[in-house]
Amino acid sequence: MAETNIGKVVQVIGPVLDVAFDPEHLPDIYNALSVESSEGNVRLIVEVQQHIGRGMVRAVSMTSTDGVTRGMDVVDTGSAITVPVGPPALGRILNVLGEPVDEQGPIVAEDGEVERWPIHRSPPAFHELEPKTEVFETGIKVIDLLAPYVKGGKTGLFGGAGVGKTVIIMEL
């Protein structure tokens, strides 16, 4: 069985935590760390963003840090945050930790095991994308006529501040 890598919270500034570990066992960048209370239950998940020296890492919390204090135990999970992918996750609303927030219950697969991927991945290479000539109908006449979007591809939406880029995306 692998040895558990445990650190201690040194500093809390809003959603940012500084955590001290044994210098020989620093968690990797993007590793998920679980902050635990003295009773041993998980309070929140943080993600390592920076090695700041002297056996310390800087991590960003994925939820509120209310109640987190110096000296709390932090356990290195040894992997990045993952989210469920594939047909069982289609149409579901998830938070950044991959937990469903749409009140439809847990995400389950027919074979029992839901595939999970890390939240930090490289985008697919251009040659891996499947070219399609099918147009994605937005229902917004000016976009569909002058600058139609292609299904399955990448689309850049440029514009100045306050012109409605976010409004258009929300309409889609």
N, C-alpha and C. Protein backbone atom coordinates (compact mmCIF):
# COMPACT_ATOMS: atom_id res chain seq x y z
N MET A 1 0.84 -1.18 0.00
CA MET A 1 0.00 0.00 0.00
C MET A 1 0.89 1.24 0.00
N ALA A 2 0.53 2.24 -0.79
CA ALA A 2 1.33 3.45 -0.90
C ALA A 2 1.23 4.27 0.38
N GLU A 3 2.32 4.94 0.69
CA GLU A 3 2.36 5.77 1.89
C GLU A 3 1.61 7.07 1.63
N THR A 4 0.79 7.50 2.59
CA THR A 4 0.01 8.72 2.45
C THR A 4 0.91 9.93 2.68
N ASN A 5 0.81 10.91 1.79
CA ASN A 5 1.58 12.14 1.89
C ASN A 5 0.72 13.19 2.58
N ILE A 6 1.07 13.55 3.82
CA ILE A 6 0.26 14.47 4.61
C ILE A 6 1.05 15.75 4.88
N GLY A 7 0.39 16.89 4.68
CA GLY A 7 0.98 18.19 4.97
C GLY A 7 0.11 18.94 5.96
N LYS A 8 0.49 20.18 6.23
CA LYS A 8 -0.24 21.03 7.18
C LYS A 8 -0.51 22.39 6.54
N VAL A 9 -1.71 22.93 6.79
CA VAL A 9 -2.04 24.27 6.32
C VAL A 9 -1.19 25.26 7.10
N VAL A 10 -0.49 26.15 6.37
CA VAL A 10 0.37 27.15 6.98
C VAL A 10 -0.29 28.52 6.95
N GLN A 11 -1.01 28.80 5.85
CA GLN A 11 -1.60 30.12 5.67
C GLN A 11 -2.85 30.01 4.82
N VAL A 12 -3.86 30.80 5.17
CA VAL A 12 -5.10 30.86 4.39
C VAL A 12 -5.37 32.33 4.07
N ILE A 13 -5.43 32.65 2.77
CA ILE A 13 -5.76 34.01 2.33
C ILE A 13 -6.87 33.87 1.30
N GLY A 14 -8.11 34.03 1.73
CA GLY A 14 -9.25 33.85 0.83
C GLY A 14 -9.28 32.43 0.32
N PRO A 15 -9.33 32.23 -1.00
CA PRO A 15 -9.38 30.87 -1.54
C PRO A 15 -8.00 30.22 -1.71
N VAL A 16 -6.93 30.93 -1.30
CA VAL A 16 -5.56 30.44 -1.50
C VAL A 16 -5.02 29.88 -0.19
N LEU A 17 -4.46 28.67 -0.26
CA LEU A 17 -3.85 28.03 0.91
C LEU A 17 -2.38 27.77 0.63
N ASP A 18 -1.55 28.03 1.62
CA ASP A 18 -0.16 27.60 1.57
C ASP A 18 -0.07 26.38 2.47
N VAL A 19 0.51 25.30 1.93
CA VAL A 19 0.56 24.03 2.65
C VAL A 19 2.01 23.55 2.71
N ALA A 20 2.45 23.13 3.90
CA ALA A 20 3.81 22.62 4.09
C ALA A 20 3.81 21.10 4.02
N PHE A 21 4.72 20.56 3.22
CA PHE A 21 4.93 19.12 3.08
C PHE A 21 6.39 18.83 3.34
N ASP A 22 6.70 17.55 3.49
CA ASP A 22 8.09 17.12 3.54
C ASP A 22 8.72 17.49 2.20
N PRO A 23 9.88 18.20 2.19
CA PRO A 23 10.47 18.64 0.92
C PRO A 23 10.73 17.53 -0.09
N GLU A 24 10.94 16.29 0.36
CA GLU A 24 11.17 15.19 -0.58
C GLU A 24 9.86 14.65 -1.16
N HIS A 25 8.73 15.06 -0.63
CA HIS A 25 7.44 14.52 -1.07
C HIS A 25 6.46 15.62 -1.44
N LEU A 26 6.94 16.63 -2.16
CA LEU A 26 6.04 17.70 -2.60
C LEU A 26 5.05 17.16 -3.63
N PRO A 27 3.77 17.51 -3.51
CA PRO A 27 2.81 17.09 -4.54
C PRO A 27 3.08 17.82 -5.85
N ASP A 28 2.75 17.17 -6.95
CA ASP A 28 2.94 17.76 -8.27
C ASP A 28 1.96 18.91 -8.50
N ILE A 29 2.33 19.80 -9.43
CA ILE A 29 1.42 20.86 -9.85
C ILE A 29 0.15 20.20 -10.40
N TYR A 30 -1.00 20.77 -10.10
CA TYR A 30 -2.35 20.31 -10.49
C TYR A 30 -2.84 19.11 -9.69
N ASN A 31 -2.05 18.61 -8.73
CA ASN A 31 -2.56 17.54 -7.88
C ASN A 31 -3.68 18.08 -7.00
N ALA A 32 -4.66 17.25 -6.75
CA ALA A 32 -5.74 17.59 -5.82
C ALA A 32 -5.30 17.24 -4.41
N LEU A 33 -5.57 18.14 -3.48
CA LEU A 33 -5.28 17.90 -2.07
C LEU A 33 -6.60 17.99 -1.32
N SER A 34 -6.79 17.12 -0.34
CA SER A 34 -8.01 17.21 0.47
C SER A 34 -7.64 17.72 1.85
N VAL A 35 -8.32 18.78 2.26
CA VAL A 35 -8.11 19.37 3.58
C VAL A 35 -9.08 18.69 4.53
N GLU A 36 -8.53 18.15 5.61
CA GLU A 36 -9.35 17.37 6.53
C GLU A 36 -9.41 18.01 7.90
N SER A 37 -10.56 17.86 8.54
CA SER A 37 -10.72 18.38 9.90
C SER A 37 -10.09 17.40 10.88
N SER A 38 -10.06 17.77 12.15
CA SER A 38 -9.43 16.92 13.16
C SER A 38 -10.17 15.59 13.31
N GLU A 39 -11.46 15.55 12.92
CA GLU A 39 -12.22 14.30 12.99
C GLU A 39 -11.91 13.38 11.81
N GLY A 40 -11.20 13.89 10.81
CA GLY A 40 -10.79 13.07 9.67
C GLY A 40 -11.72 13.15 8.48
N ASN A 41 -12.80 13.94 8.57
CA ASN A 41 -13.66 14.05 7.40
C ASN A 41 -13.15 15.15 6.47
N VAL A 42 -13.35 14.96 5.18
CA VAL A 42 -12.85 15.90 4.17
C VAL A 42 -13.68 17.17 4.22
N ARG A 43 -12.99 18.30 4.31
CA ARG A 43 -13.69 19.58 4.35
C ARG A 43 -13.75 20.21 2.96
N LEU A 44 -12.65 20.17 2.22
CA LEU A 44 -12.65 20.75 0.88
C LEU A 44 -11.49 20.21 0.05
N ILE A 45 -11.59 20.44 -1.25
CA ILE A 45 -10.55 20.02 -2.20
C ILE A 45 -9.85 21.27 -2.72
N VAL A 46 -8.52 21.25 -2.71
CA VAL A 46 -7.72 22.34 -3.26
C VAL A 46 -6.81 21.77 -4.34
N GLU A 47 -6.34 22.64 -5.24
CA GLU A 47 -5.48 22.20 -6.33
C GLU A 47 -4.15 22.93 -6.26
N VAL A 48 -3.06 22.18 -6.32
CA VAL A 48 -1.71 22.76 -6.26
C VAL A 48 -1.48 23.59 -7.52
N GLN A 49 -1.07 24.85 -7.32
CA GLN A 49 -0.79 25.75 -8.43
C GLN A 49 0.68 26.13 -8.53
N GLN A 50 1.41 26.05 -7.38
CA GLN A 50 2.78 26.56 -7.39
C GLN A 50 3.59 25.91 -6.27
N HIS A 51 4.85 25.63 -6.56
CA HIS A 51 5.80 25.25 -5.51
C HIS A 51 6.49 26.54 -5.09
N ILE A 52 6.37 26.90 -3.82
CA ILE A 52 6.91 28.20 -3.40
C ILE A 52 8.19 28.08 -2.58
N GLY A 53 8.75 26.89 -2.50
CA GLY A 53 10.03 26.71 -1.84
C GLY A 53 9.89 26.28 -0.39
N ARG A 54 10.98 25.79 0.18
CA ARG A 54 11.04 25.34 1.57
C ARG A 54 9.95 24.32 1.90
N GLY A 55 9.66 23.43 0.96
CA GLY A 55 8.69 22.37 1.20
C GLY A 55 7.25 22.85 1.23
N MET A 56 6.98 24.00 0.62
CA MET A 56 5.61 24.53 0.64
C MET A 56 5.04 24.62 -0.77
N VAL A 57 3.72 24.43 -0.84
CA VAL A 57 2.99 24.59 -2.10
C VAL A 57 1.89 25.61 -1.89
N ARG A 58 1.52 26.27 -2.96
CA ARG A 58 0.38 27.19 -2.94
C ARG A 58 -0.73 26.52 -3.71
N ALA A 59 -1.91 26.47 -3.10
CA ALA A 59 -3.04 25.77 -3.70
C ALA A 59 -4.27 26.67 -3.69
N VAL A 60 -5.16 26.44 -4.65
CA VAL A 60 -6.39 27.20 -4.77
C VAL A 60 -7.55 26.28 -4.44
N SER A 61 -8.45 26.78 -3.60
CA SER A 61 -9.60 26.00 -3.17
C SER A 61 -10.68 25.99 -4.25
N MET A 62 -11.38 24.89 -4.36
CA MET A 62 -12.48 24.77 -5.31
C MET A 62 -13.83 25.15 -4.67
N THR A 63 -13.85 25.32 -3.36
CA THR A 63 -15.06 25.73 -2.64
C THR A 63 -14.64 26.73 -1.56
N SER A 64 -15.57 27.15 -0.75
CA SER A 64 -15.30 28.12 0.30
C SER A 64 -14.31 27.58 1.32
N THR A 65 -13.43 28.45 1.78
CA THR A 65 -12.43 28.06 2.79
C THR A 65 -12.87 28.43 4.20
N ASP A 66 -14.13 28.77 4.39
CA ASP A 66 -14.63 29.10 5.72
C ASP A 66 -14.37 27.95 6.67
N GLY A 67 -13.80 28.25 7.81
CA GLY A 67 -13.53 27.23 8.82
C GLY A 67 -12.17 26.56 8.70
N VAL A 68 -11.44 26.83 7.62
CA VAL A 68 -10.10 26.25 7.46
C VAL A 68 -9.13 27.06 8.31
N THR A 69 -8.33 26.37 9.11
CA THR A 69 -7.39 27.06 10.00
C THR A 69 -5.98 26.50 9.81
N ARG A 70 -5.01 27.26 10.29
CA ARG A 70 -3.62 26.79 10.24
C ARG A 70 -3.49 25.52 11.07
N GLY A 71 -2.67 24.61 10.56
CA GLY A 71 -2.43 23.37 11.28
C GLY A 71 -3.32 22.21 10.87
N MET A 72 -4.34 22.47 10.05
CA MET A 72 -5.21 21.38 9.60
C MET A 72 -4.42 20.44 8.69
N ASP A 73 -4.77 19.16 8.74
CA ASP A 73 -4.11 18.16 7.89
C ASP A 73 -4.57 18.31 6.45
N VAL A 74 -3.62 18.10 5.53
CA VAL A 74 -3.89 18.13 4.09
C VAL A 74 -3.29 16.87 3.50
N VAL A 75 -4.12 16.10 2.78
CA VAL A 75 -3.68 14.84 2.20
C VAL A 75 -3.55 14.99 0.68
N ASP A 76 -2.40 14.61 0.16
CA ASP A 76 -2.16 14.61 -1.29
C ASP A 76 -2.86 13.39 -1.89
N THR A 77 -3.78 13.63 -2.82
CA THR A 77 -4.50 12.51 -3.45
C THR A 77 -3.62 11.79 -4.46
N GLY A 78 -2.55 12.44 -4.93
CA GLY A 78 -1.65 11.82 -5.89
C GLY A 78 -2.11 11.93 -7.32
N SER A 79 -3.22 12.63 -7.56
CA SER A 79 -3.71 12.79 -8.93
C SER A 79 -4.45 14.12 -9.05
N ALA A 80 -4.75 14.50 -10.28
CA ALA A 80 -5.48 15.74 -10.54
C ALA A 80 -6.97 15.54 -10.28
N ILE A 81 -7.69 16.64 -10.24
CA ILE A 81 -9.15 16.59 -10.14
C ILE A 81 -9.67 15.97 -11.44
N THR A 82 -10.63 15.06 -11.32
CA THR A 82 -11.21 14.42 -12.51
C THR A 82 -12.71 14.65 -12.55
N VAL A 83 -13.26 14.59 -13.75
CA VAL A 83 -14.71 14.72 -13.94
C VAL A 83 -15.20 13.56 -14.79
N PRO A 84 -16.46 13.15 -14.61
CA PRO A 84 -16.99 12.07 -15.42
C PRO A 84 -17.20 12.52 -16.87
N VAL A 85 -16.94 11.61 -17.80
CA VAL A 85 -17.11 11.89 -19.23
C VAL A 85 -17.88 10.74 -19.87
N GLY A 86 -18.32 10.97 -21.09
CA GLY A 86 -19.00 9.93 -21.83
C GLY A 86 -20.51 10.08 -21.77
N PRO A 87 -21.22 9.12 -22.35
CA PRO A 87 -22.68 9.19 -22.43
C PRO A 87 -23.39 9.43 -21.09
N PRO A 88 -22.97 8.84 -19.97
CA PRO A 88 -23.70 9.11 -18.72
C PRO A 88 -23.62 10.57 -18.27
N ALA A 89 -22.59 11.30 -18.70
CA ALA A 89 -22.42 12.69 -18.27
C ALA A 89 -23.06 13.69 -19.23
N LEU A 90 -23.47 13.24 -20.41
CA LEU A 90 -24.07 14.15 -21.39
C LEU A 90 -25.37 14.74 -20.83
N GLY A 91 -25.50 16.05 -20.96
CA GLY A 91 -26.71 16.73 -20.51
C GLY A 91 -26.75 17.00 -19.02
N ARG A 92 -25.74 16.60 -18.29
CA ARG A 92 -25.71 16.83 -16.84
C ARG A 92 -24.95 18.11 -16.54
N ILE A 93 -25.26 18.72 -15.40
CA ILE A 93 -24.56 19.93 -14.96
C ILE A 93 -23.65 19.54 -13.80
N LEU A 94 -22.35 19.80 -13.98
CA LEU A 94 -21.35 19.40 -12.99
C LEU A 94 -20.61 20.62 -12.46
N ASN A 95 -20.13 20.52 -11.22
CA ASN A 95 -19.23 21.55 -10.73
C ASN A 95 -17.81 21.18 -11.13
N VAL A 96 -16.82 21.96 -10.74
CA VAL A 96 -15.45 21.72 -11.18
C VAL A 96 -14.87 20.43 -10.60
N LEU A 97 -15.47 19.91 -9.55
CA LEU A 97 -15.01 18.66 -8.96
C LEU A 97 -15.66 17.44 -9.61
N GLY A 98 -16.54 17.67 -10.59
CA GLY A 98 -17.20 16.56 -11.26
C GLY A 98 -18.42 16.04 -10.53
N GLU A 99 -18.89 16.79 -9.55
CA GLU A 99 -20.09 16.39 -8.80
C GLU A 99 -21.31 16.98 -9.48
N PRO A 100 -22.38 16.18 -9.67
CA PRO A 100 -23.58 16.72 -10.31
C PRO A 100 -24.26 17.74 -9.40
N VAL A 101 -24.69 18.85 -10.00
CA VAL A 101 -25.39 19.89 -9.25
C VAL A 101 -26.79 20.14 -9.82
N ASP A 102 -27.27 19.23 -10.67
CA ASP A 102 -28.56 19.41 -11.32
C ASP A 102 -29.70 18.68 -10.62
N GLU A 103 -29.46 18.15 -9.43
CA GLU A 103 -30.47 17.47 -8.61
C GLU A 103 -31.09 16.27 -9.32
N GLN A 104 -30.32 15.58 -10.17
CA GLN A 104 -30.80 14.38 -10.85
C GLN A 104 -30.11 13.13 -10.32
N GLY A 105 -29.47 13.24 -9.17
CA GLY A 105 -28.81 12.08 -8.58
C GLY A 105 -27.41 11.88 -9.13
N PRO A 106 -26.74 10.83 -8.66
CA PRO A 106 -25.36 10.57 -9.10
C PRO A 106 -25.30 10.13 -10.56
N ILE A 107 -24.14 10.30 -11.16
CA ILE A 107 -23.92 9.87 -12.54
C ILE A 107 -23.49 8.41 -12.51
N VAL A 108 -24.27 7.56 -13.15
CA VAL A 108 -23.96 6.12 -13.17
C VAL A 108 -23.96 5.64 -14.61
N ALA A 109 -23.11 4.67 -14.89
CA ALA A 109 -23.03 4.05 -16.21
C ALA A 109 -23.75 2.71 -16.17
N GLU A 110 -24.12 2.23 -17.34
CA GLU A 110 -24.81 0.94 -17.42
C GLU A 110 -23.94 -0.20 -16.92
N ASP A 111 -22.62 -0.11 -17.19
CA ASP A 111 -21.71 -1.16 -16.74
C ASP A 111 -21.20 -0.91 -15.32
N GLY A 112 -21.65 0.17 -14.69
CA GLY A 112 -21.30 0.45 -13.31
C GLY A 112 -20.14 1.39 -13.10
N GLU A 113 -19.22 1.49 -14.07
CA GLU A 113 -18.03 2.33 -13.90
C GLU A 113 -18.08 3.51 -14.88
N VAL A 114 -18.10 4.73 -14.34
CA VAL A 114 -18.11 5.93 -15.17
C VAL A 114 -16.67 6.35 -15.44
N GLU A 115 -16.34 6.57 -16.70
CA GLU A 115 -14.99 7.01 -17.06
C GLU A 115 -14.77 8.44 -16.59
N ARG A 116 -13.61 8.72 -16.01
CA ARG A 116 -13.28 10.05 -15.50
C ARG A 116 -11.97 10.52 -16.15
N TRP A 117 -11.95 11.79 -16.53
CA TRP A 117 -10.76 12.40 -17.12
C TRP A 117 -10.32 13.57 -16.26
N PRO A 118 -8.99 13.87 -16.23
CA PRO A 118 -8.52 15.03 -15.47
C PRO A 118 -9.00 16.34 -16.10
N ILE A 119 -9.18 17.36 -15.27
CA ILE A 119 -9.68 18.64 -15.80
C ILE A 119 -8.62 19.39 -16.59
N HIS A 120 -7.35 19.06 -16.41
CA HIS A 120 -6.28 19.70 -17.17
C HIS A 120 -5.79 18.72 -18.23
N ARG A 121 -6.16 18.98 -19.48
CA ARG A 121 -5.74 18.15 -20.60
C ARG A 121 -5.37 19.05 -21.76
N SER A 122 -4.56 18.54 -22.63
CA SER A 122 -4.25 19.28 -23.85
C SER A 122 -5.43 19.15 -24.80
N PRO A 123 -5.70 20.20 -25.59
CA PRO A 123 -6.78 20.09 -26.57
C PRO A 123 -6.39 19.09 -27.66
N PRO A 124 -7.37 18.54 -28.36
CA PRO A 124 -7.02 17.61 -29.44
C PRO A 124 -6.24 18.33 -30.54
N ALA A 125 -5.31 17.61 -31.13
CA ALA A 125 -4.53 18.18 -32.24
C ALA A 125 -5.46 18.42 -33.43
N PHE A 126 -5.06 19.33 -34.29
CA PHE A 126 -5.90 19.70 -35.43
C PHE A 126 -6.23 18.48 -36.29
N HIS A 127 -5.24 17.60 -36.50
CA HIS A 127 -5.47 16.44 -37.35
C HIS A 127 -6.40 15.40 -36.69
N GLU A 128 -6.62 15.51 -35.38
CA GLU A 128 -7.52 14.59 -34.69
C GLU A 128 -8.98 15.02 -34.79
N LEU A 129 -9.21 16.29 -35.14
CA LEU A 129 -10.58 16.79 -35.25
C LEU A 129 -11.22 16.23 -36.51
N GLU A 130 -12.48 15.90 -36.41
CA GLU A 130 -13.20 15.38 -37.57
C GLU A 130 -13.86 16.54 -38.31
N PRO A 131 -13.41 16.80 -39.53
CA PRO A 131 -14.01 17.91 -40.26
C PRO A 131 -15.45 17.59 -40.66
N LYS A 132 -16.31 18.56 -40.46
CA LYS A 132 -17.71 18.40 -40.84
C LYS A 132 -18.12 19.66 -41.60
N THR A 133 -19.01 19.48 -42.52
CA THR A 133 -19.53 20.64 -43.24
C THR A 133 -20.93 20.99 -42.77
N GLU A 134 -21.34 20.41 -41.66
CA GLU A 134 -22.67 20.67 -41.13
C GLU A 134 -22.64 21.97 -40.32
N VAL A 135 -23.61 22.84 -40.57
CA VAL A 135 -23.67 24.14 -39.90
C VAL A 135 -24.46 24.01 -38.60
N PHE A 136 -23.95 24.64 -37.56
CA PHE A 136 -24.63 24.68 -36.27
C PHE A 136 -25.58 25.87 -36.30
N GLU A 137 -26.88 25.60 -36.36
CA GLU A 137 -27.87 26.67 -36.43
C GLU A 137 -28.06 27.27 -35.05
N THR A 138 -27.74 28.56 -34.94
CA THR A 138 -27.85 29.23 -33.65
C THR A 138 -29.24 29.81 -33.43
N GLY A 139 -29.95 30.07 -34.50
CA GLY A 139 -31.24 30.73 -34.39
C GLY A 139 -31.10 32.25 -34.38
N ILE A 140 -29.86 32.72 -34.42
CA ILE A 140 -29.59 34.16 -34.49
C ILE A 140 -29.26 34.45 -35.95
N LYS A 141 -30.18 35.12 -36.62
CA LYS A 141 -30.10 35.26 -38.08
C LYS A 141 -28.79 35.86 -38.57
N VAL A 142 -28.30 36.90 -37.91
CA VAL A 142 -27.09 37.55 -38.39
C VAL A 142 -25.88 36.62 -38.30
N ILE A 143 -25.82 35.77 -37.29
CA ILE A 143 -24.71 34.82 -37.18
C ILE A 143 -24.87 33.71 -38.21
N ASP A 144 -26.07 33.14 -38.31
CA ASP A 144 -26.30 32.04 -39.25
C ASP A 144 -26.06 32.47 -40.70
N LEU A 145 -26.29 33.74 -41.03
CA LEU A 145 -26.13 34.20 -42.40
C LEU A 145 -24.70 34.68 -42.69
N LEU A 146 -24.14 35.52 -41.82
CA LEU A 146 -22.86 36.16 -42.10
C LEU A 146 -21.64 35.38 -41.61
N ALA A 147 -21.76 34.69 -40.47
CA ALA A 147 -20.61 33.97 -39.91
C ALA A 147 -21.09 32.68 -39.26
N PRO A 148 -21.55 31.72 -40.06
CA PRO A 148 -22.10 30.49 -39.47
C PRO A 148 -21.04 29.68 -38.75
N TYR A 149 -21.47 29.02 -37.69
CA TYR A 149 -20.59 28.14 -36.92
C TYR A 149 -20.68 26.73 -37.48
N VAL A 150 -19.55 26.01 -37.50
CA VAL A 150 -19.51 24.64 -37.99
C VAL A 150 -19.59 23.71 -36.79
N LYS A 151 -20.41 22.67 -36.89
CA LYS A 151 -20.55 21.71 -35.80
C LYS A 151 -19.24 20.96 -35.59
N GLY A 152 -18.90 20.75 -34.32
CA GLY A 152 -17.74 19.94 -33.98
C GLY A 152 -16.40 20.62 -34.12
N GLY A 153 -16.38 21.90 -34.44
CA GLY A 153 -15.12 22.60 -34.60
C GLY A 153 -14.91 23.64 -33.52
N LYS A 154 -13.86 24.41 -33.69
CA LYS A 154 -13.57 25.50 -32.78
C LYS A 154 -13.99 26.80 -33.45
N THR A 155 -14.57 27.70 -32.69
CA THR A 155 -15.02 28.96 -33.23
C THR A 155 -14.53 30.09 -32.35
N GLY A 156 -13.92 31.09 -32.95
CA GLY A 156 -13.50 32.27 -32.20
C GLY A 156 -14.59 33.31 -32.24
N LEU A 157 -14.86 33.93 -31.10
CA LEU A 157 -15.87 34.98 -31.02
C LEU A 157 -15.17 36.24 -30.52
N PHE A 158 -14.91 37.16 -31.44
CA PHE A 158 -14.16 38.36 -31.11
C PHE A 158 -15.09 39.54 -30.96
N GLY A 159 -14.70 40.47 -30.12
CA GLY A 159 -15.47 41.70 -29.96
C GLY A 159 -14.93 42.51 -28.81
N GLY A 160 -15.26 43.78 -28.82
CA GLY A 160 -14.81 44.67 -27.75
C GLY A 160 -15.58 44.44 -26.47
N ALA A 161 -15.20 45.19 -25.45
CA ALA A 161 -15.86 45.07 -24.15
C ALA A 161 -17.29 45.59 -24.23
N GLY A 162 -18.20 44.84 -23.67
CA GLY A 162 -19.59 45.29 -23.57
C GLY A 162 -20.41 45.18 -24.84
N VAL A 163 -19.97 44.40 -25.83
CA VAL A 163 -20.74 44.29 -27.07
C VAL A 163 -21.67 43.08 -27.11
N GLY A 164 -21.59 42.20 -26.11
CA GLY A 164 -22.55 41.10 -26.03
C GLY A 164 -22.03 39.72 -26.34
N LYS A 165 -20.71 39.49 -26.25
CA LYS A 165 -20.17 38.15 -26.53
C LYS A 165 -20.76 37.12 -25.57
N THR A 166 -20.79 37.45 -24.31
CA THR A 166 -21.32 36.52 -23.30
C THR A 166 -22.81 36.30 -23.52
N VAL A 167 -23.53 37.33 -23.88
CA VAL A 167 -24.97 37.20 -24.13
C VAL A 167 -25.21 36.22 -25.27
N ILE A 168 -24.43 36.33 -26.34
CA ILE A 168 -24.58 35.41 -27.47
C ILE A 168 -24.30 33.98 -27.05
N ILE A 169 -23.22 33.76 -26.31
CA ILE A 169 -22.89 32.41 -25.86
C ILE A 169 -24.00 31.85 -24.98
N MET A 170 -24.56 32.67 -24.11
CA MET A 170 -25.64 32.21 -23.23
C MET A 170 -26.90 31.88 -24.04
N GLU A 171 -27.10 32.57 -25.15
CA GLU A 171 -28.26 32.30 -26.02
C GLU A 171 -28.13 30.95 -26.70
N LEU A 172 -26.90 30.50 -26.94
CA LEU A 172 -26.69 29.23 -27.64
C LEU A 172 -26.98 28.10 -26.70
